[in-house]
PDB file of all heavy atoms in Angstrom:
ATOM      1  N   LYS A   1       2.084  90.571  17.612  1.00  0.00           N
ATOM      2  CA  LYS A   1       3.359  90.254  18.258  1.00  0.00           C
ATOM      3  C   LYS A   1       4.456  90.066  17.223  1.00  0.00           C
ATOM      4  O   LYS A   1       5.558  90.631  17.353  1.00  0.00           O
ATOM      5  CB  LYS A   1       3.216  88.987  19.103  1.00  0.00           C
ATOM      6  CG  LYS A   1       4.478  88.591  19.853  1.00  0.00           C
ATOM      7  CD  LYS A   1       4.243  87.376  20.745  1.00  0.00           C
ATOM      8  CE  LYS A   1       5.498  87.021  21.538  1.00  0.00           C
ATOM      9  NZ  LYS A   1       5.268  85.861  22.453  1.00  0.00           N
ATOM     10  N   ILE A   2       4.181  89.295  16.176  1.00  0.00           N
ATOM     11  CA  ILE A   2       5.179  89.032  15.135  1.00  0.00           C
ATOM     12  C   ILE A   2       5.526  90.315  14.390  1.00  0.00           C
ATOM     13  O   ILE A   2       6.695  90.573  14.076  1.00  0.00           O
ATOM     14  CB  ILE A   2       4.673  87.952  14.171  1.00  0.00           C
ATOM     15  CG1 ILE A   2       4.503  86.616  14.903  1.00  0.00           C
ATOM     16  CG2 ILE A   2       5.626  87.790  12.991  1.00  0.00           C
ATOM     17  CD1 ILE A   2       3.725  85.578  14.126  1.00  0.00           C
ATOM     18  N   THR A   3       4.517  91.140  14.110  1.00  0.00           N
ATOM     19  CA  THR A   3       4.753  92.396  13.403  1.00  0.00           C
ATOM     20  C   THR A   3       5.714  93.282  14.177  1.00  0.00           C
ATOM     21  O   THR A   3       6.636  93.885  13.606  1.00  0.00           O
ATOM     22  CB  THR A   3       3.425  93.146  13.173  1.00  0.00           C
ATOM     23  OG1 THR A   3       2.585  92.346  12.333  1.00  0.00           O
ATOM     24  CG2 THR A   3       3.664  94.491  12.500  1.00  0.00           C
ATOM     25  N   ARG A   4       5.529  93.365  15.480  1.00  0.00           N
ATOM     26  CA  ARG A   4       6.410  94.205  16.297  1.00  0.00           C
ATOM     27  C   ARG A   4       7.837  93.655  16.322  1.00  0.00           C
ATOM     28  O   ARG A   4       8.804  94.415  16.314  1.00  0.00           O
ATOM     29  CB  ARG A   4       5.835  94.346  17.707  1.00  0.00           C
ATOM     30  CG  ARG A   4       4.539  95.172  17.723  1.00  0.00           C
ATOM     31  CD  ARG A   4       4.040  95.476  19.122  1.00  0.00           C
ATOM     32  NE  ARG A   4       2.908  96.405  19.074  1.00  0.00           N
ATOM     33  CZ  ARG A   4       1.644  96.055  19.280  1.00  0.00           C
ATOM     34  NH1 ARG A   4       1.340  94.790  19.561  1.00  0.00           N
ATOM     35  NH2 ARG A   4       0.683  96.953  19.222  1.00  0.00           N
ATOM     36  N   ILE A   5       7.971  92.332  16.323  1.00  0.00           N
ATOM     37  CA  ILE A   5       9.305  91.722  16.284  1.00  0.00           C
ATOM     38  C   ILE A   5       9.998  92.040  14.961  1.00  0.00           C
ATOM     39  O   ILE A   5      11.178  92.406  14.929  1.00  0.00           O
ATOM     40  CB  ILE A   5       9.203  90.195  16.491  1.00  0.00           C
ATOM     41  CG1 ILE A   5       8.764  89.880  17.926  1.00  0.00           C
ATOM     42  CG2 ILE A   5      10.533  89.512  16.180  1.00  0.00           C
ATOM     43  CD1 ILE A   5       8.429  88.418  18.173  1.00  0.00           C
ATOM     44  N   VAL A   6       9.263  91.910  13.860  1.00  0.00           N
ATOM     45  CA  VAL A   6       9.815  92.218  12.538  1.00  0.00           C
ATOM     46  C   VAL A   6      10.166  93.697  12.443  1.00  0.00           C
ATOM     47  O   VAL A   6      11.239  94.069  11.944  1.00  0.00           O
ATOM     48  CB  VAL A   6       8.817  91.823  11.434  1.00  0.00           C
ATOM     49  CG1 VAL A   6       9.306  92.307  10.066  1.00  0.00           C
ATOM     50  CG2 VAL A   6       8.601  90.321  11.411  1.00  0.00           C
ATOM     51  N   ALA A   7       9.271  94.558  12.933  1.00  0.00           N
ATOM     52  CA  ALA A   7       9.500  96.007  12.867  1.00  0.00           C
ATOM     53  C   ALA A   7      10.751  96.400  13.647  1.00  0.00           C
ATOM     54  O   ALA A   7      11.532  97.253  13.200  1.00  0.00           O
ATOM     55  CB  ALA A   7       8.281  96.746  13.409  1.00  0.00           C
ATOM     56  N   GLU A   8      10.951  95.780  14.797  1.00  0.00           N
ATOM     57  CA  GLU A   8      12.138  96.081  15.606  1.00  0.00           C
ATOM     58  C   GLU A   8      13.418  95.666  14.880  1.00  0.00           C
ATOM     59  O   GLU A   8      14.410  96.398  14.891  1.00  0.00           O
ATOM     60  CB  GLU A   8      12.042  95.364  16.962  1.00  0.00           C
ATOM     61  CG  GLU A   8      11.000  95.964  17.897  1.00  0.00           C
ATOM     62  CD  GLU A   8      10.799  95.131  19.156  1.00  0.00           C
ATOM     63  OE1 GLU A   8      11.541  94.139  19.345  1.00  0.00           O
ATOM     64  OE2 GLU A   8       9.905  95.471  19.951  1.00  0.00           O
ATOM     65  N   ALA A   9      13.385  94.495  14.233  1.00  0.00           N
ATOM     66  CA  ALA A   9      14.565  94.018  13.497  1.00  0.00           C
ATOM     67  C   ALA A   9      14.885  94.941  12.323  1.00  0.00           C
ATOM     68  O   ALA A   9      16.059  95.213  12.036  1.00  0.00           O
ATOM     69  CB  ALA A   9      14.330  92.592  13.008  1.00  0.00           C
ATOM     70  N   LEU A  10      13.852  95.431  11.650  1.00  0.00           N
ATOM     71  CA  LEU A  10      14.060  96.335  10.526  1.00  0.00           C
ATOM     72  C   LEU A  10      14.528  97.715  11.002  1.00  0.00           C
ATOM     73  O   LEU A  10      15.364  98.351  10.350  1.00  0.00           O
ATOM     74  CB  LEU A  10      12.774  96.468   9.715  1.00  0.00           C
ATOM     75  CG  LEU A  10      12.365  95.218   8.929  1.00  0.00           C
ATOM     76  CD1 LEU A  10      10.946  95.343   8.407  1.00  0.00           C
ATOM     77  CD2 LEU A  10      13.333  94.959   7.782  1.00  0.00           C
ATOM     78  N   ALA A  11      13.993  98.161  12.136  1.00  0.00           N
ATOM     79  CA  ALA A  11      14.399  99.463  12.687  1.00  0.00           C
ATOM     80  C   ALA A  11      15.885  99.475  13.012  1.00  0.00           C
ATOM     81  O   ALA A  11      16.557 100.513  12.887  1.00  0.00           O
ATOM     82  CB  ALA A  11      13.572  99.779  13.928  1.00  0.00           C
ATOM     83  N   GLU A  12      16.410  98.319  13.418  1.00  0.00           N
ATOM     84  CA  GLU A  12      17.845  98.218  13.707  1.00  0.00           C
ATOM     85  C   GLU A  12      18.682  98.449  12.453  1.00  0.00           C
ATOM     86  O   GLU A  12      19.862  98.785  12.546  1.00  0.00           O
ATOM     87  CB  GLU A  12      18.160  96.854  14.311  1.00  0.00           C
ATOM     88  CG  GLU A  12      17.586  96.651  15.710  1.00  0.00           C
ATOM     89  CD  GLU A  12      17.844  95.264  16.261  1.00  0.00           C
ATOM     90  OE1 GLU A  12      18.472  94.445  15.546  1.00  0.00           O
ATOM     91  OE2 GLU A  12      17.421  94.989  17.400  1.00  0.00           O
ATOM     92  N   LYS A  13      18.047  98.247  11.292  1.00  0.00           N
ATOM     93  CA  LYS A  13      18.729  98.476  10.011  1.00  0.00           C
ATOM     94  C   LYS A  13      18.476  99.895   9.493  1.00  0.00           C
ATOM     95  O   LYS A  13      18.922 100.254   8.400  1.00  0.00           O
ATOM     96  CB  LYS A  13      18.241  97.469   8.972  1.00  0.00           C
ATOM     97  CG  LYS A  13      18.491  96.007   9.332  1.00  0.00           C
ATOM     98  CD  LYS A  13      19.948  95.632   9.173  1.00  0.00           C
ATOM     99  CE  LYS A  13      20.146  94.138   9.372  1.00  0.00           C
ATOM    100  NZ  LYS A  13      21.570  93.734   9.147  1.00  0.00           N
ATOM    101  N   GLY A  14      17.726 100.683  10.257  1.00  0.00           N
ATOM    102  CA  GLY A  14      17.477 102.059   9.869  1.00  0.00           C
ATOM    103  C   GLY A  14      16.320 102.268   8.925  1.00  0.00           C
ATOM    104  O   GLY A  14      16.233 103.307   8.253  1.00  0.00           O
ATOM    105  N   VAL A  15      15.409 101.290   8.842  1.00  0.00           N
ATOM    106  CA  VAL A  15      14.242 101.417   7.967  1.00  0.00           C
ATOM    107  C   VAL A  15      12.974 101.154   8.779  1.00  0.00           C
ATOM    108  O   VAL A  15      13.026 100.609   9.881  1.00  0.00           O
ATOM    109  CB  VAL A  15      14.322 100.446   6.773  1.00  0.00           C
ATOM    110  CG1 VAL A  15      15.515 100.803   5.893  1.00  0.00           C
ATOM    111  CG2 VAL A  15      14.437  99.003   7.249  1.00  0.00           C
ATOM    112  N   GLU A  16      11.824 101.533   8.218  1.00  0.00           N
ATOM    113  CA  GLU A  16      10.562 101.441   8.962  1.00  0.00           C
ATOM    114  C   GLU A  16       9.541 100.558   8.246  1.00  0.00           C
ATOM    115  O   GLU A  16       9.264 100.748   7.067  1.00  0.00           O
ATOM    116  CB  GLU A  16       9.965 102.836   9.179  1.00  0.00           C
ATOM    117  CG  GLU A  16       8.693 102.818  10.017  1.00  0.00           C
ATOM    118  CD  GLU A  16       8.102 104.188  10.243  1.00  0.00           C
ATOM    119  OE1 GLU A  16       8.717 105.192   9.811  1.00  0.00           O
ATOM    120  OE2 GLU A  16       7.005 104.272  10.840  1.00  0.00           O
ATOM    121  N   LEU A  17       8.984  99.632   8.995  1.00  0.00           N
ATOM    122  CA  LEU A  17       7.921  98.771   8.478  1.00  0.00           C
ATOM    123  C   LEU A  17       6.596  99.522   8.515  1.00  0.00           C
ATOM    124  O   LEU A  17       6.196 100.031   9.560  1.00  0.00           O
ATOM    125  CB  LEU A  17       7.825  97.500   9.331  1.00  0.00           C
ATOM    126  CG  LEU A  17       6.723  96.507   8.948  1.00  0.00           C
ATOM    127  CD1 LEU A  17       6.999  95.890   7.589  1.00  0.00           C
ATOM    128  CD2 LEU A  17       6.597  95.412  10.019  1.00  0.00           C
ATOM    129  N   TYR A  18       5.912  99.585   7.361  1.00  0.00           N
ATOM    130  CA  TYR A  18       4.602 100.245   7.286  1.00  0.00           C
ATOM    131  C   TYR A  18       3.469  99.220   7.379  1.00  0.00           C
ATOM    132  O   TYR A  18       2.469  99.461   8.051  1.00  0.00           O
ATOM    133  CB  TYR A  18       4.473 101.033   5.982  1.00  0.00           C
ATOM    134  CG  TYR A  18       5.001 102.447   6.043  1.00  0.00           C
ATOM    135  CD1 TYR A  18       6.148 102.758   6.785  1.00  0.00           C
ATOM    136  CD2 TYR A  18       4.377 103.477   5.349  1.00  0.00           C
ATOM    137  CE1 TYR A  18       6.635 104.055   6.832  1.00  0.00           C
ATOM    138  CE2 TYR A  18       4.856 104.774   5.386  1.00  0.00           C
ATOM    139  CZ  TYR A  18       5.983 105.064   6.128  1.00  0.00           C
ATOM    140  OH  TYR A  18       6.467 106.349   6.168  1.00  0.00           O
ATOM    141  N   ASP A  19       3.609  98.105   6.665  1.00  0.00           N
ATOM    142  CA  ASP A  19       2.610  97.038   6.779  1.00  0.00           C
ATOM    143  C   ASP A  19       3.234  95.724   6.345  1.00  0.00           C
ATOM    144  O   ASP A  19       4.280  95.697   5.706  1.00  0.00           O
ATOM    145  CB  ASP A  19       1.316  97.348   6.002  1.00  0.00           C
ATOM    146  CG  ASP A  19       1.535  97.634   4.528  1.00  0.00           C
ATOM    147  OD1 ASP A  19       2.381  96.954   3.911  1.00  0.00           O
ATOM    148  OD2 ASP A  19       0.872  98.528   3.979  1.00  0.00           O
ATOM    149  N   ILE A  20       2.583  94.633   6.709  1.00  0.00           N
ATOM    150  CA  ILE A  20       3.117  93.306   6.417  1.00  0.00           C
ATOM    151  C   ILE A  20       1.971  92.317   6.305  1.00  0.00           C
ATOM    152  O   ILE A  20       0.932  92.473   6.961  1.00  0.00           O
ATOM    153  CB  ILE A  20       4.118  92.864   7.507  1.00  0.00           C
ATOM    154  CG1 ILE A  20       4.806  91.546   7.133  1.00  0.00           C
ATOM    155  CG2 ILE A  20       3.458  92.811   8.874  1.00  0.00           C
ATOM    156  CD1 ILE A  20       6.019  91.232   8.000  1.00  0.00           C
ATOM    157  N   LYS A  21       2.164  91.318   5.440  1.00  0.00           N
ATOM    158  CA  LYS A  21       1.126  90.314   5.174  1.00  0.00           C
ATOM    159  C   LYS A  21       1.606  88.950   5.641  1.00  0.00           C
ATOM    160  O   LYS A  21       2.728  88.543   5.338  1.00  0.00           O
ATOM    161  CB  LYS A  21       0.816  90.300   3.680  1.00  0.00           C
ATOM    162  CG  LYS A  21      -0.208  89.279   3.240  1.00  0.00           C
ATOM    163  CD  LYS A  21      -0.564  89.471   1.771  1.00  0.00           C
ATOM    164  CE  LYS A  21       0.618  89.272   0.862  1.00  0.00           C
ATOM    165  NZ  LYS A  21       0.286  89.435  -0.578  1.00  0.00           N
ATOM    166  N   PHE A  22       0.758  88.251   6.389  1.00  0.00           N
ATOM    167  CA  PHE A  22       1.078  86.921   6.902  1.00  0.00           C
ATOM    168  C   PHE A  22       0.028  85.910   6.449  1.00  0.00           C
ATOM    169  O   PHE A  22      -1.065  86.278   6.004  1.00  0.00           O
ATOM    170  CB  PHE A  22       1.079  86.903   8.435  1.00  0.00           C
ATOM    171  CG  PHE A  22       2.095  87.793   9.080  1.00  0.00           C
ATOM    172  CD1 PHE A  22       1.696  88.881   9.846  1.00  0.00           C
ATOM    173  CD2 PHE A  22       3.451  87.534   8.963  1.00  0.00           C
ATOM    174  CE1 PHE A  22       2.622  89.693  10.469  1.00  0.00           C
ATOM    175  CE2 PHE A  22       4.393  88.347   9.585  1.00  0.00           C
ATOM    176  CZ  PHE A  22       3.976  89.427  10.341  1.00  0.00           C
ATOM    177  N   GLU A  23       0.383  84.636   6.636  1.00  0.00           N
ATOM    178  CA  GLU A  23      -0.601  83.563   6.546  1.00  0.00           C
ATOM    179  C   GLU A  23      -0.455  82.690   7.785  1.00  0.00           C
ATOM    180  O   GLU A  23       0.658  82.459   8.260  1.00  0.00           O
ATOM    181  CB  GLU A  23      -0.408  82.732   5.280  1.00  0.00           C
ATOM    182  CG  GLU A  23      -0.803  83.464   4.009  1.00  0.00           C
ATOM    183  CD  GLU A  23      -0.787  82.557   2.789  1.00  0.00           C
ATOM    184  OE1 GLU A  23      -1.282  81.412   2.899  1.00  0.00           O
ATOM    185  OE2 GLU A  23      -0.275  82.991   1.745  1.00  0.00           O
ATOM    186  N   PHE A  24      -1.583  82.224   8.291  1.00  0.00           N
ATOM    187  CA  PHE A  24      -1.585  81.347   9.450  1.00  0.00           C
ATOM    188  C   PHE A  24      -2.337  80.066   9.130  1.00  0.00           C
ATOM    189  O   PHE A  24      -3.190  80.020   8.238  1.00  0.00           O
ATOM    190  CB  PHE A  24      -2.253  82.037  10.653  1.00  0.00           C
ATOM    191  CG  PHE A  24      -1.452  83.167  11.223  1.00  0.00           C
ATOM    192  CD1 PHE A  24      -1.562  84.449  10.709  1.00  0.00           C
ATOM    193  CD2 PHE A  24      -0.590  82.954  12.285  1.00  0.00           C
ATOM    194  CE1 PHE A  24      -0.818  85.497  11.222  1.00  0.00           C
ATOM    195  CE2 PHE A  24       0.167  83.993  12.817  1.00  0.00           C
ATOM    196  CZ  PHE A  24       0.046  85.264  12.285  1.00  0.00           C
ATOM    197  N   GLY A  25      -2.007  79.028   9.864  1.00  0.00           N
ATOM    198  CA  GLY A  25      -2.715  77.765   9.755  1.00  0.00           C
ATOM    199  C   GLY A  25      -2.864  77.181  11.144  1.00  0.00           C
ATOM    200  O   GLY A  25      -2.572  77.848  12.145  1.00  0.00           O
ATOM    201  N   PHE A  26      -3.312  75.951  11.210  1.00  0.00           N
ATOM    202  CA  PHE A  26      -3.414  75.323  12.531  1.00  0.00           C
ATOM    203  C   PHE A  26      -3.011  73.857  12.437  1.00  0.00           C
ATOM    204  O   PHE A  26      -3.212  73.192  11.427  1.00  0.00           O
ATOM    205  CB  PHE A  26      -4.810  75.481  13.127  1.00  0.00           C
ATOM    206  CG  PHE A  26      -5.931  74.919  12.291  1.00  0.00           C
ATOM    207  CD1 PHE A  26      -6.469  73.669  12.567  1.00  0.00           C
ATOM    208  CD2 PHE A  26      -6.476  75.651  11.241  1.00  0.00           C
ATOM    209  CE1 PHE A  26      -7.503  73.149  11.807  1.00  0.00           C
ATOM    210  CE2 PHE A  26      -7.518  75.142  10.472  1.00  0.00           C
ATOM    211  CZ  PHE A  26      -8.030  73.882  10.759  1.00  0.00           C
ATOM    212  N   ASN A  27      -2.378  73.397  13.497  1.00  0.00           N
ATOM    213  CA  ASN A  27      -1.898  72.029  13.609  1.00  0.00           C
ATOM    214  C   ASN A  27      -2.339  71.515  14.963  1.00  0.00           C
ATOM    215  O   ASN A  27      -1.927  72.038  16.000  1.00  0.00           O
ATOM    216  CB  ASN A  27      -0.367  71.995  13.488  1.00  0.00           C
ATOM    217  CG  ASN A  27       0.175  70.587  13.393  1.00  0.00           C
ATOM    218  OD1 ASN A  27      -0.375  69.660  13.964  1.00  0.00           O
ATOM    219  ND2 ASN A  27       1.264  70.427  12.674  1.00  0.00           N
ATOM    220  N   GLN A  28      -3.239  70.516  14.960  1.00  0.00           N
ATOM    221  CA  GLN A  28      -3.808  69.995  16.205  1.00  0.00           C
ATOM    222  C   GLN A  28      -4.403  71.124  17.034  1.00  0.00           C
ATOM    223  O   GLN A  28      -4.155  71.259  18.239  1.00  0.00           O
ATOM    224  CB  GLN A  28      -2.742  69.235  16.996  1.00  0.00           C
ATOM    225  CG  GLN A  28      -2.211  68.006  16.264  1.00  0.00           C
ATOM    226  CD  GLN A  28      -1.161  67.253  17.047  1.00  0.00           C
ATOM    227  OE1 GLN A  28      -0.658  67.741  18.050  1.00  0.00           O
ATOM    228  NE2 GLN A  28      -0.823  66.055  16.606  1.00  0.00           N
ATOM    229  N   ASP A  29      -5.187  71.977  16.376  1.00  0.00           N
ATOM    230  CA  ASP A  29      -5.925  73.079  16.998  1.00  0.00           C
ATOM    231  C   ASP A  29      -5.033  74.214  17.491  1.00  0.00           C
ATOM    232  O   ASP A  29      -5.514  75.152  18.125  1.00  0.00           O
ATOM    233  CB  ASP A  29      -6.795  72.575  18.158  1.00  0.00           C
ATOM    234  CG  ASP A  29      -7.893  71.636  17.687  1.00  0.00           C
ATOM    235  OD1 ASP A  29      -8.379  71.841  16.558  1.00  0.00           O
ATOM    236  OD2 ASP A  29      -8.245  70.705  18.428  1.00  0.00           O
ATOM    237  N   GLU A  30      -3.725  74.155  17.220  1.00  0.00           N
ATOM    238  CA  GLU A  30      -2.828  75.234  17.617  1.00  0.00           C
ATOM    239  C   GLU A  30      -2.545  76.119  16.411  1.00  0.00           C
ATOM    240  O   GLU A  30      -2.132  75.646  15.361  1.00  0.00           O
ATOM    241  CB  GLU A  30      -1.522  74.666  18.175  1.00  0.00           C
ATOM    242  CG  GLU A  30      -0.593  75.727  18.708  1.00  0.00           C
ATOM    243  CD  GLU A  30       0.615  75.122  19.401  1.00  0.00           C
ATOM    244  OE1 GLU A  30       1.211  74.184  18.849  1.00  0.00           O
ATOM    245  OE2 GLU A  30       0.957  75.594  20.503  1.00  0.00           O
ATOM    246  N   VAL A  31      -2.783  77.432  16.569  1.00  0.00           N
ATOM    247  CA  VAL A  31      -2.540  78.382  15.486  1.00  0.00           C
ATOM    248  C   VAL A  31      -1.040  78.620  15.355  1.00  0.00           C
ATOM    249  O   VAL A  31      -0.339  78.818  16.351  1.00  0.00           O
ATOM    250  CB  VAL A  31      -3.252  79.718  15.760  1.00  0.00           C
ATOM    251  CG1 VAL A  31      -2.905  80.739  14.676  1.00  0.00           C
ATOM    252  CG2 VAL A  31      -4.758  79.510  15.815  1.00  0.00           C
ATOM    253  N   LEU A  32      -0.516  78.572  14.109  1.00  0.00           N
ATOM    254  CA  LEU A  32       0.893  78.831  13.897  1.00  0.00           C
ATOM    255  C   LEU A  32       1.108  79.589  12.598  1.00  0.00           C
ATOM    256  O   LEU A  32       0.312  79.485  11.663  1.00  0.00           O
ATOM    257  CB  LEU A  32       1.702  77.536  13.906  1.00  0.00           C
ATOM    258  CG  LEU A  32       1.552  76.520  12.782  1.00  0.00           C
ATOM    259  CD1 LEU A  32       2.724  75.543  12.827  1.00  0.00           C
ATOM    260  CD2 LEU A  32       0.253  75.734  12.907  1.00  0.00           C
ATOM    261  N   LEU A  33       2.179  80.350  12.556  1.00  0.00           N
ATOM    262  CA  LEU A  33       2.528  81.117  11.376  1.00  0.00           C
ATOM    263  C   LEU A  33       3.037  80.185  10.287  1.00  0.00           C
ATOM    264  O   LEU A  33       3.870  79.314  10.535  1.00  0.00           O
ATOM    265  CB  LEU A  33       3.616  82.134  11.728  1.00  0.00           C
ATOM    266  CG  LEU A  33       4.088  83.031  10.582  1.00  0.00           C
ATOM    267  CD1 LEU A  33       2.991  83.995  10.160  1.00  0.00           C
ATOM    268  CD2 LEU A  33       5.345  83.789  11.000  1.00  0.00           C
ATOM    269  N   ILE A  34       2.541  80.380   9.049  1.00  0.00           N
ATOM    270  CA  ILE A  34       2.990  79.568   7.922  1.00  0.00           C
ATOM    271  C   ILE A  34       3.488  80.486   6.802  1.00  0.00           C
ATOM    272  O   ILE A  34       3.568  81.694   6.969  1.00  0.00           O
ATOM    273  CB  ILE A  34       1.886  78.623   7.415  1.00  0.00           C
ATOM    274  CG1 ILE A  34       0.682  79.419   6.879  1.00  0.00           C
ATOM    275  CG2 ILE A  34       1.418  77.690   8.531  1.00  0.00           C
ATOM    276  CD1 ILE A  34      -0.384  78.550   6.208  1.00  0.00           C
ATOM    277  N   ASP A  35       3.850  79.914   5.677  1.00  0.00           N
ATOM    278  CA  ASP A  35       4.296  80.638   4.489  1.00  0.00           C
ATOM    279  C   ASP A  35       5.674  81.250   4.719  1.00  0.00           C
ATOM    280  O   ASP A  35       6.618  80.537   5.014  1.00  0.00           O
ATOM    281  CB  ASP A  35       3.260  81.675   4.066  1.00  0.00           C
ATOM    282  CG  ASP A  35       3.470  82.129   2.630  1.00  0.00           C
ATOM    283  OD1 ASP A  35       3.716  81.267   1.765  1.00  0.00           O
ATOM    284  OD2 ASP A  35       3.386  83.345   2.368  1.00  0.00           O
ATOM    285  N   GLU A  36       5.828  82.565   4.616  1.00  0.00           N
ATOM    286  CA  GLU A  36       7.133  83.202   4.679  1.00  0.00           C
ATOM    287  C   GLU A  36       7.056  84.556   5.375  1.00  0.00           C
ATOM    288  O   GLU A  36       5.977  85.099   5.605  1.00  0.00           O
ATOM    289  CB  GLU A  36       7.701  83.394   3.273  1.00  0.00           C
ATOM    290  CG  GLU A  36       6.892  84.371   2.430  1.00  0.00           C
ATOM    291  CD  GLU A  36       7.434  84.545   1.014  1.00  0.00           C
ATOM    292  OE1 GLU A  36       8.440  83.909   0.681  1.00  0.00           O
ATOM    293  OE2 GLU A  36       6.839  85.327   0.261  1.00  0.00           O
ATOM    294  N   ILE A  37       8.230  85.084   5.722  1.00  0.00           N
ATOM    295  CA  ILE A  37       8.345  86.463   6.217  1.00  0.00           C
ATOM    296  C   ILE A  37       9.456  87.089   5.390  1.00  0.00           C
ATOM    297  O   ILE A  37      10.637  86.936   5.700  1.00  0.00           O
ATOM    298  CB  ILE A  37       8.724  86.516   7.710  1.00  0.00           C
ATOM    299  CG1 ILE A  37       7.810  85.622   8.544  1.00  0.00           C
ATOM    300  CG2 ILE A  37       8.655  87.959   8.215  1.00  0.00           C
ATOM    301  CD1 ILE A  37       8.230  85.531  10.002  1.00  0.00           C
ATOM    302  N   ALA A  38       9.102  87.766   4.324  1.00  0.00           N
ATOM    303  CA  ALA A  38      10.122  88.241   3.392  1.00  0.00           C
ATOM    304  C   ALA A  38       9.739  89.594   2.807  1.00  0.00           C
ATOM    305  O   ALA A  38       8.622  90.086   2.994  1.00  0.00           O
ATOM    306  CB  ALA A  38      10.318  87.213   2.286  1.00  0.00           C
ATOM    307  N   SER A  39      10.674  90.183   2.079  1.00  0.00           N
ATOM    308  CA  SER A  39      10.485  91.536   1.551  1.00  0.00           C
ATOM    309  C   SER A  39       9.285  91.645   0.621  1.00  0.00           C
ATOM    310  O   SER A  39       8.658  92.699   0.534  1.00  0.00           O
ATOM    311  CB  SER A  39      11.750  91.987   0.814  1.00  0.00           C
ATOM    312  OG  SER A  39      12.040  91.117  -0.264  1.00  0.00           O
ATOM    313  N   GLY A  40       8.945  90.557  -0.065  1.00  0.00           N
ATOM    314  CA  GLY A  40       7.807  90.588  -0.978  1.00  0.00           C
ATOM    315  C   GLY A  40       6.464  90.662  -0.287  1.00  0.00           C
ATOM    316  O   GLY A  40       5.442  90.899  -0.929  1.00  0.00           O
ATOM    317  N   ASN A  41       6.456  90.467   1.033  1.00  0.00           N
ATOM    318  CA  ASN A  41       5.198  90.497   1.784  1.00  0.00           C
ATOM    319  C   ASN A  41       5.095  91.704   2.711  1.00  0.00           C
ATOM    320  O   ASN A  41       4.207  91.748   3.560  1.00  0.00           O
ATOM    321  CB  ASN A  41       5.053  89.224   2.631  1.00  0.00           C
ATOM    322  CG  ASN A  41       4.722  88.018   1.785  1.00  0.00           C
ATOM    323  OD1 ASN A  41       4.259  88.146   0.658  1.00  0.00           O
ATOM    324  ND2 ASN A  41       4.973  86.844   2.319  1.00  0.00           N
ATOM    325  N   MET A  42       6.017  92.638   2.569  1.00  0.00           N
ATOM    326  CA  MET A  42       5.990  93.788   3.466  1.00  0.00           C
ATOM    327  C   MET A  42       6.260  95.083   2.713  1.00  0.00           C
ATOM    328  O   MET A  42       6.866  95.082   1.641  1.00  0.00           O
ATOM    329  CB  MET A  42       7.010  93.607   4.595  1.00  0.00           C
ATOM    330  CG  MET A  42       8.437  93.423   4.141  1.00  0.00           C
ATOM    331  SD  MET A  42       9.608  93.157   5.527  1.00  0.00           S
ATOM    332  CE  MET A  42       9.249  91.454   5.959  1.00  0.00           C
ATOM    333  N   ARG A  43       5.782  96.166   3.283  1.00  0.00           N
ATOM    334  CA  ARG A  43       6.051  97.492   2.724  1.00  0.00           C
ATOM    335  C   ARG A  43       6.942  98.218   3.728  1.00  0.00           C
ATOM    336  O   ARG A  43       6.529  98.474   4.858  1.00  0.00           O
ATOM    337  CB  ARG A  43       4.744  98.246   2.500  1.00  0.00           C
ATOM    338  CG  ARG A  43       4.805  99.284   1.404  1.00  0.00           C
ATOM    339  CD  ARG A  43       3.489 100.008   1.183  1.00  0.00           C
ATOM    340  NE  ARG A  43       2.315  99.221   1.444  1.00  0.00           N
ATOM    341  CZ  ARG A  43       1.386  98.910   0.527  1.00  0.00           C
ATOM    342  NH1 ARG A  43       1.548  99.267  -0.717  1.00  0.00           N
ATOM    343  NH2 ARG A  43       0.313  98.227   0.873  1.00  0.00           N
TER     344      ARG A  43
END
C-alpha cells in the first residue's frame, strides 16, 4: 500500500519508482512504518 502511494507521488513528478526499502516495527502489537521514506532508500 505504501509503495503504491509513493509511486503515485513520484509519477506526478514524471519519474518512476522501481523499488523501495522500508523498515517496520510494532507498538502495542500494532505494525507501523518506522525509519524514513527518502531518496536514499529507493531506486
